[in-house]
């Protein structure tokens, strides 16, 4: 059973069409829920961050220069 027009999201449908994806009707509600959750997280993901937000990109000078000190 296809989702009713009220249960569909035009933007999601457009993105699926552009991507060449076909979602089985019974899975559409779950995909839509996930899509809406990601949309709600977007401001957090695209917001400004400090270096502390990405610890993999930081280093301690002592650990980088330890062989020079020896």
C-alpha atoms as a PDB file:
ATOM      1  CA  UNK A   1       0.000   0.000   0.000  1.00  0.00           C
ATOM      2  CA  UNK A   2       1.498   3.336  -1.066  1.00  0.00           C
ATOM      3  CA  UNK A   3       1.807   6.075   1.556  1.00  0.00           C
ATOM      4  CA  UNK A   4      -0.914   8.700   1.263  1.00  0.00           C
ATOM      5  CA  UNK A   5       0.060  12.167  -0.013  1.00  0.00           C
ATOM      6  CA  UNK A   6      -0.086  13.420   3.582  1.00  0.00           C
ATOM      7  CA  UNK A   7       2.493  10.799   4.561  1.00  0.00           C
ATOM      8  CA  UNK A   8       4.905  11.752   1.771  1.00  0.00           C
ATOM      9  CA  UNK A   9       7.571  14.446   1.743  1.00  0.00           C
ATOM     10  CA  UNK A  10       8.106  16.277  -1.557  1.00  0.00           C
ATOM     11  CA  UNK A  11      11.767  17.091  -0.835  1.00  0.00           C
ATOM     12  CA  UNK A  12      12.594  13.498   0.105  1.00  0.00           C
ATOM     13  CA  UNK A  13      10.782  12.252  -2.996  1.00  0.00           C
ATOM     14  CA  UNK A  14      12.822  14.635  -5.144  1.00  0.00           C
ATOM     15  CA  UNK A  15      16.103  13.498  -3.587  1.00  0.00           C
ATOM     16  CA  UNK A  16      15.188   9.848  -4.046  1.00  0.00           C
ATOM     17  CA  UNK A  17      14.256  10.483  -7.679  1.00  0.00           C
ATOM     18  CA  UNK A  18      17.511  12.365  -8.326  1.00  0.00           C
ATOM     19  CA  UNK A  19      19.447   9.509  -6.786  1.00  0.00           C
ATOM     20  CA  UNK A  20      17.574   6.938  -8.862  1.00  0.00           C
ATOM     21  CA  UNK A  21      16.358   5.203  -5.705  1.00  0.00           C
ATOM     22  CA  UNK A  22      13.092   3.347  -5.368  1.00  0.00           C
ATOM     23  CA  UNK A  23      11.878   2.747  -1.829  1.00  0.00           C
ATOM     24  CA  UNK A  24       9.369  -0.041  -1.206  1.00  0.00           C
ATOM     25  CA  UNK A  25       6.118   1.543   0.021  1.00  0.00           C
ATOM     26  CA  UNK A  26       6.197  -0.374   3.301  1.00  0.00           C
ATOM     27  CA  UNK A  27       9.655   1.063   4.102  1.00  0.00           C
ATOM     28  CA  UNK A  28       8.872   4.666   3.183  1.00  0.00           C
ATOM     29  CA  UNK A  29       7.609   5.695   6.661  1.00  0.00           C
ATOM     30  CA  UNK A  30      10.864   4.536   8.303  1.00  0.00           C
ATOM     31  CA  UNK A  31      12.986   6.263   5.626  1.00  0.00           C
ATOM     32  CA  UNK A  32      10.939   9.431   6.083  1.00  0.00           C
ATOM     33  CA  UNK A  33      11.417   9.327   9.856  1.00  0.00           C
ATOM     34  CA  UNK A  34      15.192   8.936   9.426  1.00  0.00           C
ATOM     35  CA  UNK A  35      15.261  11.740   6.871  1.00  0.00           C
ATOM     36  CA  UNK A  36      13.421  14.081   9.229  1.00  0.00           C
ATOM     37  CA  UNK A  37      15.773  13.200  12.102  1.00  0.00           C
ATOM     38  CA  UNK A  38      18.804  13.970   9.928  1.00  0.00           C
ATOM     39  CA  UNK A  39      17.229  17.264   8.869  1.00  0.00           C
ATOM     40  CA  UNK A  40      16.773  18.153  12.543  1.00  0.00           C
ATOM     41  CA  UNK A  41      20.476  17.398  13.195  1.00  0.00           C
ATOM     42  CA  UNK A  42      21.789  19.442  10.267  1.00  0.00           C
ATOM     43  CA  UNK A  43      22.192  22.711  12.243  1.00  0.00           C
ATOM     44  CA  UNK A  44      24.359  20.848  14.750  1.00  0.00           C
ATOM     45  CA  UNK A  45      26.458  19.200  12.049  1.00  0.00           C
ATOM     46  CA  UNK A  46      27.027  22.383  10.067  1.00  0.00           C
ATOM     47  CA  UNK A  47      27.581  24.691  13.002  1.00  0.00           C
ATOM     48  CA  UNK A  48      30.910  26.303  13.847  1.00  0.00           C
ATOM     49  CA  UNK A  49      33.326  24.173  15.866  1.00  0.00           C
ATOM     50  CA  UNK A  50      36.579  24.713  17.717  1.00  0.00           C
ATOM     51  CA  UNK A  51      39.662  22.502  17.490  1.00  0.00           C
ATOM     52  CA  UNK A  52      38.487  20.808  20.695  1.00  0.00           C
ATOM     53  CA  UNK A  53      35.531  19.428  18.757  1.00  0.00           C
ATOM     54  CA  UNK A  54      37.918  17.363  16.625  1.00  0.00           C
ATOM     55  CA  UNK A  55      40.503  15.824  18.947  1.00  0.00           C
ATOM     56  CA  UNK A  56      41.947  13.715  16.112  1.00  0.00           C
ATOM     57  CA  UNK A  57      43.230  16.932  14.550  1.00  0.00           C
ATOM     58  CA  UNK A  58      45.097  18.070  17.658  1.00  0.00           C
ATOM     59  CA  UNK A  59      48.450  17.053  19.088  1.00  0.00           C
ATOM     60  CA  UNK A  60      50.625  17.698  22.090  1.00  0.00           C
ATOM     61  CA  UNK A  61      53.939  19.334  21.236  1.00  0.00           C
ATOM     62  CA  UNK A  62      55.852  17.086  23.680  1.00  0.00           C
ATOM     63  CA  UNK A  63      54.738  13.926  21.878  1.00  0.00           C
ATOM     64  CA  UNK A  64      55.702  15.273  18.466  1.00  0.00           C
ATOM     65  CA  UNK A  65      59.153  16.502  19.530  1.00  0.00           C
ATOM     66  CA  UNK A  66      60.137  13.775  22.032  1.00  0.00           C
ATOM     67  CA  UNK A  67      62.871  12.301  19.803  1.00  0.00           C
ATOM     68  CA  UNK A  68      64.514  15.688  19.358  1.00  0.00           C
ATOM     69  CA  UNK A  69      64.787  16.153  23.096  1.00  0.00           C
ATOM     70  CA  UNK A  70      66.677  12.847  23.550  1.00  0.00           C
END
